[in-house]
Amino acid sequence: MTAGVLHHFAFDPASRAARLALGEARVDFTEVAVRPWEADCPLRDLNPSGMPPVFVTAEAGRPLTLCEAPAILGWLEDRATGPFLMPADPGERAETRRLVHWFERRFNDEVNAVLLHERLEKPLLRLGSPDALNLREGRQALKAHLAMMEALLGERDWLAGGRMGRADLTAAAHVSVLDYFGEVQWQTWPGLKTWYMRLKSRPCFRPLLADKFQGLAPVAHYSDLDF
């Protein structure tokens, strides 16, 4: 497949979903790290929203700029010769869309907007120490979402059905950032842990396990494939 350049922020879940999907598709791409919160971020010249990820490639000899994860993953699906990250079964396709939307909206609003704000955004923007009350509320919300995932995986091989797909990569992108900061208590979720171990063992996951957040080492098991 055509090589390209991915502009991304390593601890942005949407950027991680794009990296996982491109890796799964075996697309040859280079990475450019961006800091979207900075006023002079070059990403603003590529995407009107200023949000990562952005993948710059070519299609039929013409430049193509794909802004944000849905466009990137959709492009990969459109180029595949058969079902790639979207299953062939209509019911599983519908379930995949439901779960992806759940992570992009509810999980992001109820968990990431709280926990990642406290653990990631505050240090980057120098907004002070994490707020204990906010951390407690974010962790309670995370437990509720992980319980839903655990229930799904008690009935299915993968989140949306019988094969690994877009829902799994989207979920893993979110969960992996939280795991870096030690926010996932894996002993509570045995089915979820097995699912995550299977994903971590895929080649597309290796670059994510090498990510480092400035000034903070990952939790001890972060890069361990068998934890």
Foldseek 3Di string as FASTA:
>chain_A
DWEWEKEEALLDLQSQLLLLLCVQLVHHYHYDYWDLVDPPTCCCVQDVVSHDIWIWTADPNHIDIQHTRVRSNVVSCVPDPDGDQQDPDPQLNVLLVVLLVCCVPVVCVQAVVQVCCQVPVCVVVVVDHGDPVSVVRNLVSVVVVLVVQLVCLVPAVANSHDDHHSSLSSVLSNVLSCQQAVSDPCVVRVSVVVSNLVSLPDPSNQVSLPDDDPPDGGDPCSNPSPD
